[in-house]
Amino acid sequence: ARDQLLLALVDEIADQVRTAVLAALSDTEGDAAARAHAALA
């Protein structure tokens, strides 16, 4: 059904966000503020 497709799309975007946030945390050096800024950005 349409809503199953839309759920898959929302989940895909959420996965992309989660991956980007975790990558930013992993790749950023510095104090908590610097790493938090990278993740939020």
PDB file of all heavy atoms in Angstrom:
ATOM      1  N   ALA A   1       0.848  -1.189   0.000  1.00  0.00           N
ATOM      2  CA  ALA A   1       0.000   0.000   0.000  1.00  0.00           C
ATOM      3  C   ALA A   1       0.884   1.240   0.000  1.00  0.00           C
ATOM      4  O   ALA A   1       2.082   1.159   0.285  1.00  0.00           O
ATOM      5  CB  ALA A   1      -0.920   0.003   1.218  1.00  0.00           C
ATOM      6  N   ARG A   2       0.276   2.382  -0.295  1.00  0.00           N
ATOM      7  CA  ARG A   2       1.036   3.631  -0.326  1.00  0.00           C
ATOM      8  C   ARG A   2       1.726   3.913   0.996  1.00  0.00           C
ATOM      9  O   ARG A   2       2.908   4.304   1.026  1.00  0.00           O
ATOM     10  CB  ARG A   2       0.093   4.798  -0.664  1.00  0.00           C
ATOM     11  CG  ARG A   2       0.812   6.132  -0.792  1.00  0.00           C
ATOM     12  CD  ARG A   2      -0.117   7.320  -0.591  1.00  0.00           C
ATOM     13  NE  ARG A   2      -0.608   7.407   0.769  1.00  0.00           N
ATOM     14  CZ  ARG A   2      -1.128   8.519   1.297  1.00  0.00           C
ATOM     15  NH1 ARG A   2      -1.237   9.616   0.561  1.00  0.00           N
ATOM     16  NH2 ARG A   2      -1.559   8.539   2.543  1.00  0.00           N
ATOM     17  N   ASP A   3       1.006   3.723   2.107  1.00  0.00           N
ATOM     18  CA  ASP A   3       1.591   4.075   3.401  1.00  0.00           C
ATOM     19  C   ASP A   3       2.789   3.199   3.747  1.00  0.00           C
ATOM     20  O   ASP A   3       3.692   3.645   4.465  1.00  0.00           O
ATOM     21  CB  ASP A   3       0.540   3.990   4.504  1.00  0.00           C
ATOM     22  CG  ASP A   3      -0.410   5.189   4.484  1.00  0.00           C
ATOM     23  OD1 ASP A   3      -0.280   6.038   3.574  1.00  0.00           O
ATOM     24  OD2 ASP A   3      -1.278   5.276   5.371  1.00  0.00           O
ATOM     25  N   GLN A   4       2.816   1.971   3.265  1.00  0.00           N
ATOM     26  CA  GLN A   4       3.989   1.129   3.499  1.00  0.00           C
ATOM     27  C   GLN A   4       5.205   1.720   2.785  1.00  0.00           C
ATOM     28  O   GLN A   4       6.319   1.725   3.335  1.00  0.00           O
ATOM     29  CB  GLN A   4       3.748  -0.298   3.025  1.00  0.00           C
ATOM     30  CG  GLN A   4       4.906  -1.238   3.378  1.00  0.00           C
ATOM     31  CD  GLN A   4       4.784  -2.602   2.747  1.00  0.00           C
ATOM     32  OE1 GLN A   4       4.397  -2.721   1.582  1.00  0.00           O
ATOM     33  NE2 GLN A   4       5.122  -3.640   3.490  1.00  0.00           N
ATOM     34  N   LEU A   5       5.004   2.223   1.582  1.00  0.00           N
ATOM     35  CA  LEU A   5       6.086   2.886   0.857  1.00  0.00           C
ATOM     36  C   LEU A   5       6.539   4.137   1.594  1.00  0.00           C
ATOM     37  O   LEU A   5       7.748   4.377   1.753  1.00  0.00           O
ATOM     38  CB  LEU A   5       5.614   3.242  -0.555  1.00  0.00           C
ATOM     39  CG  LEU A   5       6.480   4.220  -1.366  1.00  0.00           C
ATOM     40  CD1 LEU A   5       7.907   3.719  -1.501  1.00  0.00           C
ATOM     41  CD2 LEU A   5       5.871   4.459  -2.737  1.00  0.00           C
ATOM     42  N   LEU A   6       5.590   4.925   2.086  1.00  0.00           N
ATOM     43  CA  LEU A   6       5.954   6.153   2.791  1.00  0.00           C
ATOM     44  C   LEU A   6       6.696   5.850   4.094  1.00  0.00           C
ATOM     45  O   LEU A   6       7.630   6.577   4.457  1.00  0.00           O
ATOM     46  CB  LEU A   6       4.701   6.987   3.067  1.00  0.00           C
ATOM     47  CG  LEU A   6       3.950   7.467   1.821  1.00  0.00           C
ATOM     48  CD1 LEU A   6       2.770   8.351   2.220  1.00  0.00           C
ATOM     49  CD2 LEU A   6       4.874   8.210   0.862  1.00  0.00           C
ATOM     50  N   LEU A   7       6.294   4.784   4.784  1.00  0.00           N
ATOM     51  CA  LEU A   7       7.031   4.382   5.981  1.00  0.00           C
ATOM     52  C   LEU A   7       8.463   4.003   5.630  1.00  0.00           C
ATOM     53  O   LEU A   7       9.407   4.356   6.353  1.00  0.00           O
ATOM     54  CB  LEU A   7       6.334   3.195   6.660  1.00  0.00           C
ATOM     55  CG  LEU A   7       5.157   3.501   7.568  1.00  0.00           C
ATOM     56  CD1 LEU A   7       4.489   2.202   7.998  1.00  0.00           C
ATOM     57  CD2 LEU A   7       5.591   4.294   8.782  1.00  0.00           C
ATOM     58  N   ALA A   8       8.639   3.268   4.539  1.00  0.00           N
ATOM     59  CA  ALA A   8       9.981   2.878   4.098  1.00  0.00           C
ATOM     60  C   ALA A   8      10.816   4.110   3.775  1.00  0.00           C
ATOM     61  O   ALA A   8      12.020   4.161   4.079  1.00  0.00           O
ATOM     62  CB  ALA A   8       9.895   1.963   2.887  1.00  0.00           C
ATOM     63  N   LEU A   9      10.179   5.116   3.189  1.00  0.00           N
ATOM     64  CA  LEU A   9      10.897   6.350   2.853  1.00  0.00           C
ATOM     65  C   LEU A   9      11.313   7.097   4.116  1.00  0.00           C
ATOM     66  O   LEU A   9      12.464   7.548   4.229  1.00  0.00           O
ATOM     67  CB  LEU A   9      10.009   7.231   1.978  1.00  0.00           C
ATOM     68  CG  LEU A   9      10.598   8.583   1.565  1.00  0.00           C
ATOM     69  CD1 LEU A   9      11.876   8.400   0.763  1.00  0.00           C
ATOM     70  CD2 LEU A   9       9.566   9.386   0.764  1.00  0.00           C
ATOM     71  N   VAL A  10      10.404   7.231   5.068  1.00  0.00           N
ATOM     72  CA  VAL A  10      10.738   7.902   6.334  1.00  0.00           C
ATOM     73  C   VAL A  10      11.860   7.156   7.057  1.00  0.00           C
ATOM     74  O   VAL A  10      12.804   7.780   7.576  1.00  0.00           O
ATOM     75  CB  VAL A  10       9.481   8.011   7.227  1.00  0.00           C
ATOM     76  CG1 VAL A  10       9.862   8.439   8.645  1.00  0.00           C
ATOM     77  CG2 VAL A  10       8.484   8.995   6.630  1.00  0.00           C
ATOM     78  N   ASP A  11      11.777   5.832   7.091  1.00  0.00           N
ATOM     79  CA  ASP A  11      12.819   5.037   7.748  1.00  0.00           C
ATOM     80  C   ASP A  11      14.161   5.204   7.045  1.00  0.00           C
ATOM     81  O   ASP A  11      15.216   5.247   7.705  1.00  0.00           O
ATOM     82  CB  ASP A  11      12.429   3.566   7.767  1.00  0.00           C
ATOM     83  CG  ASP A  11      11.355   3.253   8.796  1.00  0.00           C
ATOM     84  OD1 ASP A  11      11.127   4.091   9.695  1.00  0.00           O
ATOM     85  OD2 ASP A  11      10.743   2.175   8.706  1.00  0.00           O
ATOM     86  N   GLU A  12      14.142   5.275   5.725  1.00  0.00           N
ATOM     87  CA  GLU A  12      15.387   5.447   4.984  1.00  0.00           C
ATOM     88  C   GLU A  12      16.039   6.783   5.324  1.00  0.00           C
ATOM     89  O   GLU A  12      17.258   6.856   5.550  1.00  0.00           O
ATOM     90  CB  GLU A  12      15.113   5.375   3.482  1.00  0.00           C
ATOM     91  CG  GLU A  12      16.353   5.551   2.620  1.00  0.00           C
ATOM     92  CD  GLU A  12      16.067   5.387   1.144  1.00  0.00           C
ATOM     93  OE1 GLU A  12      15.496   6.321   0.537  1.00  0.00           O
ATOM     94  OE2 GLU A  12      16.413   4.321   0.596  1.00  0.00           O
ATOM     95  N   ILE A  13      15.245   7.845   5.377  1.00  0.00           N
ATOM     96  CA  ILE A  13      15.787   9.157   5.725  1.00  0.00           C
ATOM     97  C   ILE A  13      16.326   9.146   7.154  1.00  0.00           C
ATOM     98  O   ILE A  13      17.405   9.693   7.437  1.00  0.00           O
ATOM     99  CB  ILE A  13      14.715  10.245   5.546  1.00  0.00           C
ATOM    100  CG1 ILE A  13      14.320  10.364   4.072  1.00  0.00           C
ATOM    101  CG2 ILE A  13      15.230  11.600   6.064  1.00  0.00           C
ATOM    102  CD1 ILE A  13      13.103  11.237   3.829  1.00  0.00           C
ATOM    103  N   ALA A  14      15.591   8.521   8.070  1.00  0.00           N
ATOM    104  CA  ALA A  14      16.052   8.424   9.465  1.00  0.00           C
ATOM    105  C   ALA A  14      17.375   7.682   9.544  1.00  0.00           C
ATOM    106  O   ALA A  14      18.276   8.068  10.309  1.00  0.00           O
ATOM    107  CB  ALA A  14      14.999   7.736  10.319  1.00  0.00           C
ATOM    108  N   ASP A  15      17.525   6.612   8.779  1.00  0.00           N
ATOM    109  CA  ASP A  15      18.784   5.862   8.758  1.00  0.00           C
ATOM    110  C   ASP A  15      19.924   6.733   8.224  1.00  0.00           C
ATOM    111  O   ASP A  15      21.053   6.660   8.721  1.00  0.00           O
ATOM    112  CB  ASP A  15      18.649   4.606   7.897  1.00  0.00           C
ATOM    113  CG  ASP A  15      17.824   3.519   8.573  1.00  0.00           C
ATOM    114  OD1 ASP A  15      17.646   3.590   9.806  1.00  0.00           O
ATOM    115  OD2 ASP A  15      17.362   2.603   7.861  1.00  0.00           O
ATOM    116  N   GLN A  16      19.632   7.534   7.212  1.00  0.00           N
ATOM    117  CA  GLN A  16      20.652   8.431   6.666  1.00  0.00           C
ATOM    118  C   GLN A  16      21.079   9.469   7.701  1.00  0.00           C
ATOM    119  O   GLN A  16      22.272   9.775   7.831  1.00  0.00           O
ATOM    120  CB  GLN A  16      20.119   9.121   5.413  1.00  0.00           C
ATOM    121  CG  GLN A  16      19.911   8.191   4.228  1.00  0.00           C
ATOM    122  CD  GLN A  16      19.188   8.863   3.077  1.00  0.00           C
ATOM    123  OE1 GLN A  16      18.738  10.013   3.165  1.00  0.00           O
ATOM    124  NE2 GLN A  16      19.053   8.148   1.972  1.00  0.00           N
ATOM    125  N   VAL A  17      20.107   9.999   8.431  1.00  0.00           N
ATOM    126  CA  VAL A  17      20.421  10.970   9.484  1.00  0.00           C
ATOM    127  C   VAL A  17      21.283  10.322  10.560  1.00  0.00           C
ATOM    128  O   VAL A  17      22.312  10.878  10.983  1.00  0.00           O
ATOM    129  CB  VAL A  17      19.129  11.538  10.107  1.00  0.00           C
ATOM    130  CG1 VAL A  17      19.455  12.363  11.346  1.00  0.00           C
ATOM    131  CG2 VAL A  17      18.368  12.384   9.097  1.00  0.00           C
ATOM    132  N   ARG A  18      20.871   9.152  11.018  1.00  0.00           N
ATOM    133  CA  ARG A  18      21.606   8.454  12.074  1.00  0.00           C
ATOM    134  C   ARG A  18      23.046   8.159  11.631  1.00  0.00           C
ATOM    135  O   ARG A  18      24.003   8.368  12.401  1.00  0.00           O
ATOM    136  CB  ARG A  18      20.882   7.157  12.434  1.00  0.00           C
ATOM    137  CG  ARG A  18      21.409   6.473  13.679  1.00  0.00           C
ATOM    138  CD  ARG A  18      20.606   5.224  13.982  1.00  0.00           C
ATOM    139  NE  ARG A  18      19.215   5.520  14.336  1.00  0.00           N
ATOM    140  CZ  ARG A  18      18.172   5.347  13.541  1.00  0.00           C
ATOM    141  NH1 ARG A  18      18.333   4.849  12.313  1.00  0.00           N
ATOM    142  NH2 ARG A  18      16.955   5.643  13.954  1.00  0.00           N
ATOM    143  N   THR A  19      23.200   7.701  10.406  1.00  0.00           N
ATOM    144  CA  THR A  19      24.538   7.394   9.881  1.00  0.00           C
ATOM    145  C   THR A  19      25.397   8.647   9.820  1.00  0.00           C
ATOM    146  O   THR A  19      26.583   8.629  10.191  1.00  0.00           O
ATOM    147  CB  THR A  19      24.430   6.763   8.481  1.00  0.00           C
ATOM    148  OG1 THR A  19      23.726   5.519   8.585  1.00  0.00           O
ATOM    149  CG2 THR A  19      25.802   6.502   7.889  1.00  0.00           C
ATOM    150  N   ALA A  20      24.810   9.753   9.353  1.00  0.00           N
ATOM    151  CA  ALA A  20      25.553  11.012   9.240  1.00  0.00           C
ATOM    152  C   ALA A  20      25.975  11.528  10.611  1.00  0.00           C
ATOM    153  O   ALA A  20      27.103  12.007  10.798  1.00  0.00           O
ATOM    154  CB  ALA A  20      24.706  12.052   8.515  1.00  0.00           C
ATOM    155  N   VAL A  21      25.077  11.439  11.585  1.00  0.00           N
ATOM    156  CA  VAL A  21      25.375  11.916  12.938  1.00  0.00           C
ATOM    157  C   VAL A  21      26.493  11.092  13.572  1.00  0.00           C
ATOM    158  O   VAL A  21      27.456  11.646  14.136  1.00  0.00           O
ATOM    159  CB  VAL A  21      24.101  11.866  13.804  1.00  0.00           C
ATOM    160  CG1 VAL A  21      24.451  12.030  15.283  1.00  0.00           C
ATOM    161  CG2 VAL A  21      23.124  12.946  13.381  1.00  0.00           C
ATOM    162  N   LEU A  22      26.391   9.782  13.486  1.00  0.00           N
ATOM    163  CA  LEU A  22      27.409   8.916  14.086  1.00  0.00           C
ATOM    164  C   LEU A  22      28.760   9.074  13.389  1.00  0.00           C
ATOM    165  O   LEU A  22      29.813   9.029  14.036  1.00  0.00           O
ATOM    166  CB  LEU A  22      26.944   7.464  14.049  1.00  0.00           C
ATOM    167  CG  LEU A  22      25.742   7.150  14.937  1.00  0.00           C
ATOM    168  CD1 LEU A  22      25.284   5.705  14.746  1.00  0.00           C
ATOM    169  CD2 LEU A  22      26.065   7.409  16.413  1.00  0.00           C
ATOM    170  N   ALA A  23      28.738   9.274  12.072  1.00  0.00           N
ATOM    171  CA  ALA A  23      29.986   9.492  11.342  1.00  0.00           C
ATOM    172  C   ALA A  23      30.636  10.798  11.775  1.00  0.00           C
ATOM    173  O   ALA A  23      31.867  10.868  11.945  1.00  0.00           O
ATOM    174  CB  ALA A  23      29.722   9.497   9.840  1.00  0.00           C
ATOM    175  N   ALA A  24      29.826  11.837  11.960  1.00  0.00           N
ATOM    176  CA  ALA A  24      30.367  13.132  12.396  1.00  0.00           C
ATOM    177  C   ALA A  24      30.988  13.019  13.784  1.00  0.00           C
ATOM    178  O   ALA A  24      32.057  13.582  14.045  1.00  0.00           O
ATOM    179  CB  ALA A  24      29.253  14.174  12.398  1.00  0.00           C
ATOM    180  N   LEU A  25      30.335  12.293  14.667  1.00  0.00           N
ATOM    181  CA  LEU A  25      30.887  12.100  16.011  1.00  0.00           C
ATOM    182  C   LEU A  25      32.206  11.334  15.961  1.00  0.00           C
ATOM    183  O   LEU A  25      33.157  11.654  16.681  1.00  0.00           O
ATOM    184  CB  LEU A  25      29.883  11.340  16.878  1.00  0.00           C
ATOM    185  CG  LEU A  25      28.680  12.140  17.373  1.00  0.00           C
ATOM    186  CD1 LEU A  25      27.612  11.200  17.912  1.00  0.00           C
ATOM    187  CD2 LEU A  25      29.101  13.142  18.439  1.00  0.00           C
ATOM    188  N   SER A  26      32.257  10.332  15.106  1.00  0.00           N
ATOM    189  CA  SER A  26      33.452   9.499  15.000  1.00  0.00           C
ATOM    190  C   SER A  26      34.610  10.242  14.357  1.00  0.00           C
ATOM    191  O   SER A  26      35.774  10.065  14.752  1.00  0.00           O
ATOM    192  CB  SER A  26      33.126   8.237  14.195  1.00  0.00           C
ATOM    193  OG  SER A  26      34.275   7.458  13.987  1.00  0.00           O
ATOM    194  N   ASP A  27      34.301  11.081  13.386  1.00  0.00           N
ATOM    195  CA  ASP A  27      35.353  11.736  12.598  1.00  0.00           C
ATOM    196  C   ASP A  27      35.845  13.051  13.188  1.00  0.00           C
ATOM    197  O   ASP A  27      36.853  13.596  12.726  1.00  0.00           O
ATOM    198  CB  ASP A  27      34.850  12.008  11.172  1.00  0.00           C
ATOM    199  CG  ASP A  27      34.546  10.728  10.403  1.00  0.00           C
ATOM    200  OD1 ASP A  27      35.019   9.656  10.823  1.00  0.00           O
ATOM    201  OD2 ASP A  27      33.829  10.811   9.388  1.00  0.00           O
ATOM    202  N   THR A  28      35.146  13.575  14.189  1.00  0.00           N
ATOM    203  CA  THR A  28      35.482  14.891  14.732  1.00  0.00           C
ATOM    204  C   THR A  28      36.309  14.754  16.003  1.00  0.00           C
ATOM    205  O   THR A  28      35.960  14.006  16.914  1.00  0.00           O
ATOM    206  CB  THR A  28      34.200  15.695  15.040  1.00  0.00           C
ATOM    207  OG1 THR A  28      33.431  15.820  13.848  1.00  0.00           O
ATOM    208  CG2 THR A  28      34.553  17.079  15.570  1.00  0.00           C
ATOM    209  N   GLU A  29      37.405  15.486  16.043  1.00  0.00           N
ATOM    210  CA  GLU A  29      38.234  15.535  17.240  1.00  0.00           C
ATOM    211  C   GLU A  29      37.907  16.798  18.026  1.00  0.00           C
ATOM    212  O   GLU A  29      37.295  17.728  17.516  1.00  0.00           O
ATOM    213  CB  GLU A  29      39.718  15.513  16.855  1.00  0.00           C
ATOM    214  CG  GLU A  29      40.148  14.246  16.127  1.00  0.00           C
ATOM    215  CD  GLU A  29      41.630  14.260  15.783  1.00  0.00           C
ATOM    216  OE1 GLU A  29      42.281  15.302  16.016  1.00  0.00           O
ATOM    217  OE2 GLU A  29      42.122  13.227  15.291  1.00  0.00           O
ATOM    218  N   GLY A  30      38.298  16.835  19.273  1.00  0.00           N
ATOM    219  CA  GLY A  30      38.066  18.020  20.074  1.00  0.00           C
ATOM    220  C   GLY A  30      37.204  17.727  21.285  1.00  0.00           C
ATOM    221  O   GLY A  30      36.947  16.567  21.632  1.00  0.00           O
ATOM    222  N   ASP A  31      36.736  18.796  21.919  1.00  0.00           N
ATOM    223  CA  ASP A  31      35.960  18.645  23.145  1.00  0.00           C
ATOM    224  C   ASP A  31      34.505  18.311  22.826  1.00  0.00           C
ATOM    225  O   ASP A  31      34.110  18.147  21.658  1.00  0.00           O
ATOM    226  CB  ASP A  31      36.059  19.914  23.998  1.00  0.00           C
ATOM    227  CG  ASP A  31      35.539  21.157  23.275  1.00  0.00           C
ATOM    228  OD1 ASP A  31      34.904  21.009  22.203  1.00  0.00           O
ATOM    229  OD2 ASP A  31      35.753  22.272  23.794  1.00  0.00           O
ATOM    230  N   ALA A  32      33.696  18.218  23.878  1.00  0.00           N
ATOM    231  CA  ALA A  32      32.301  17.831  23.713  1.00  0.00           C
ATOM    232  C   ALA A  32      31.545  18.810  22.825  1.00  0.00           C
ATOM    233  O   ALA A  32      30.716  18.404  21.999  1.00  0.00           O
ATOM    234  CB  ALA A  32      31.625  17.734  25.079  1.00  0.00           C
ATOM    235  N   ALA A  33      31.846  20.101  22.970  1.00  0.00           N
ATOM    236  CA  ALA A  33      31.149  21.106  22.167  1.00  0.00           C
ATOM    237  C   ALA A  33      31.449  20.937  20.682  1.00  0.00           C
ATOM    238  O   ALA A  33      30.555  21.026  19.837  1.00  0.00           O
ATOM    239  CB  ALA A  33      31.538  22.508  22.628  1.00  0.00           C
ATOM    240  N   ALA A  34      32.710  20.684  20.353  1.00  0.00           N
ATOM    241  CA  ALA A  34      33.087  20.518  18.951  1.00  0.00           C
ATOM    242  C   ALA A  34      32.427  19.288  18.344  1.00  0.00           C
ATOM    243  O   ALA A  34      31.914  19.327  17.209  1.00  0.00           O
ATOM    244  CB  ALA A  34      34.608  20.413  18.832  1.00  0.00           C
ATOM    245  N   ARG A  35      32.391  18.204  19.075  1.00  0.00           N
ATOM    246  CA  ARG A  35      31.802  16.968  18.551  1.00  0.00           C
ATOM    247  C   ARG A  35      30.285  17.081  18.474  1.00  0.00           C
ATOM    248  O   ARG A  35      29.673  16.601  17.515  1.00  0.00           O
ATOM    249  CB  ARG A  35      32.227  15.799  19.422  1.00  0.00           C
ATOM    250  CG  ARG A  35      33.751  15.563  19.421  1.00  0.00           C
ATOM    251  CD  ARG A  35      34.126  14.333  20.200  1.00  0.00           C
ATOM    252  NE  ARG A  35      33.648  13.128  19.505  1.00  0.00           N
ATOM    253  CZ  ARG A  35      33.564  11.937  20.087  1.00  0.00           C
ATOM    254  NH1 ARG A  35      33.904  11.783  21.353  1.00  0.00           N
ATOM    255  NH2 ARG A  35      33.135  10.899  19.399  1.00  0.00           N
ATOM    256  N   ALA A  36      29.679  17.730  19.475  1.00  0.00           N
ATOM    257  CA  ALA A  36      28.236  17.926  19.432  1.00  0.00           C
ATOM    258  C   ALA A  36      27.849  18.822  18.263  1.00  0.00           C
ATOM    259  O   ALA A  36      26.866  18.560  17.567  1.00  0.00           O
ATOM    260  CB  ALA A  36      27.752  18.543  20.743  1.00  0.00           C
ATOM    261  N   HIS A  37      28.622  19.859  18.024  1.00  0.00           N
ATOM    262  CA  HIS A  37      28.342  20.768  16.910  1.00  0.00           C
ATOM    263  C   HIS A  37      28.407  20.018  15.589  1.00  0.00           C
ATOM    264  O   HIS A  37      27.544  20.200  14.708  1.00  0.00           O
ATOM    265  CB  HIS A  37      29.326  21.934  16.911  1.00  0.00           C
ATOM    266  CG  HIS A  37      28.984  23.001  15.923  1.00  0.00           C
ATOM    267  ND1 HIS A  37      29.332  22.923  14.585  1.00  0.00           N
ATOM    268  CD2 HIS A  37      28.303  24.168  16.065  1.00  0.00           C
ATOM    269  CE1 HIS A  37      28.890  23.988  13.953  1.00  0.00           C
ATOM    270  NE2 HIS A  37      28.257  24.763  14.829  1.00  0.00           N
ATOM    271  N   ALA A  38      29.409  19.181  15.428  1.00  0.00           N
ATOM    272  CA  ALA A  38      29.549  18.411  14.187  1.00  0.00           C
ATOM    273  C   ALA A  38      28.352  17.481  13.989  1.00  0.00           C
ATOM    274  O   ALA A  38      27.824  17.354  12.877  1.00  0.00           O
ATOM    275  CB  ALA A  38      30.847  17.609  14.217  1.00  0.00           C
ATOM    276  N   ALA A  39      27.923  16.826  15.065  1.00  0.00           N
ATOM    277  CA  ALA A  39      26.797  15.897  14.970  1.00  0.00           C
ATOM    278  C   ALA A  39      25.501  16.622  14.644  1.00  0.00           C
ATOM    279  O   ALA A  39      24.722  16.185  13.786  1.00  0.00           O
ATOM    280  CB  ALA A  39      26.649  15.118  16.270  1.00  0.00           C
ATOM    281  N   LEU A  40      25.266  17.741  15.316  1.00  0.00           N
ATOM    282  CA  LEU A  40      24.039  18.498  15.076  1.00  0.00           C
ATOM    283  C   LEU A  40      24.039  19.128  13.689  1.00  0.00           C
ATOM    284  O   LEU A  40      22.988  19.221  13.042  1.00  0.00           O
ATOM    285  CB  LEU A  40      23.877  19.564  16.158  1.00  0.00           C
ATOM    286  CG  LEU A  40      23.558  18.997  17.555  1.00  0.00           C
ATOM    287  CD1 LEU A  40      23.779  20.046  18.626  1.00  0.00           C
ATOM    288  CD2 LEU A  40      22.117  18.488  17.595  1.00  0.00           C
ATOM    289  N   ALA A  41      25.208  19.545  13.234  1.00  0.00           N
ATOM    290  CA  ALA A  41      25.307  20.092  11.877  1.00  0.00           C
ATOM    291  C   ALA A  41      25.004  19.019  10.839  1.00  0.00           C
ATOM    292  O   ALA A  41      24.342  19.284   9.828  1.00  0.00           O
ATOM    293  CB  ALA A  41      26.700  20.673  11.652  1.00  0.00           C
TER     294      ALA A  41
END
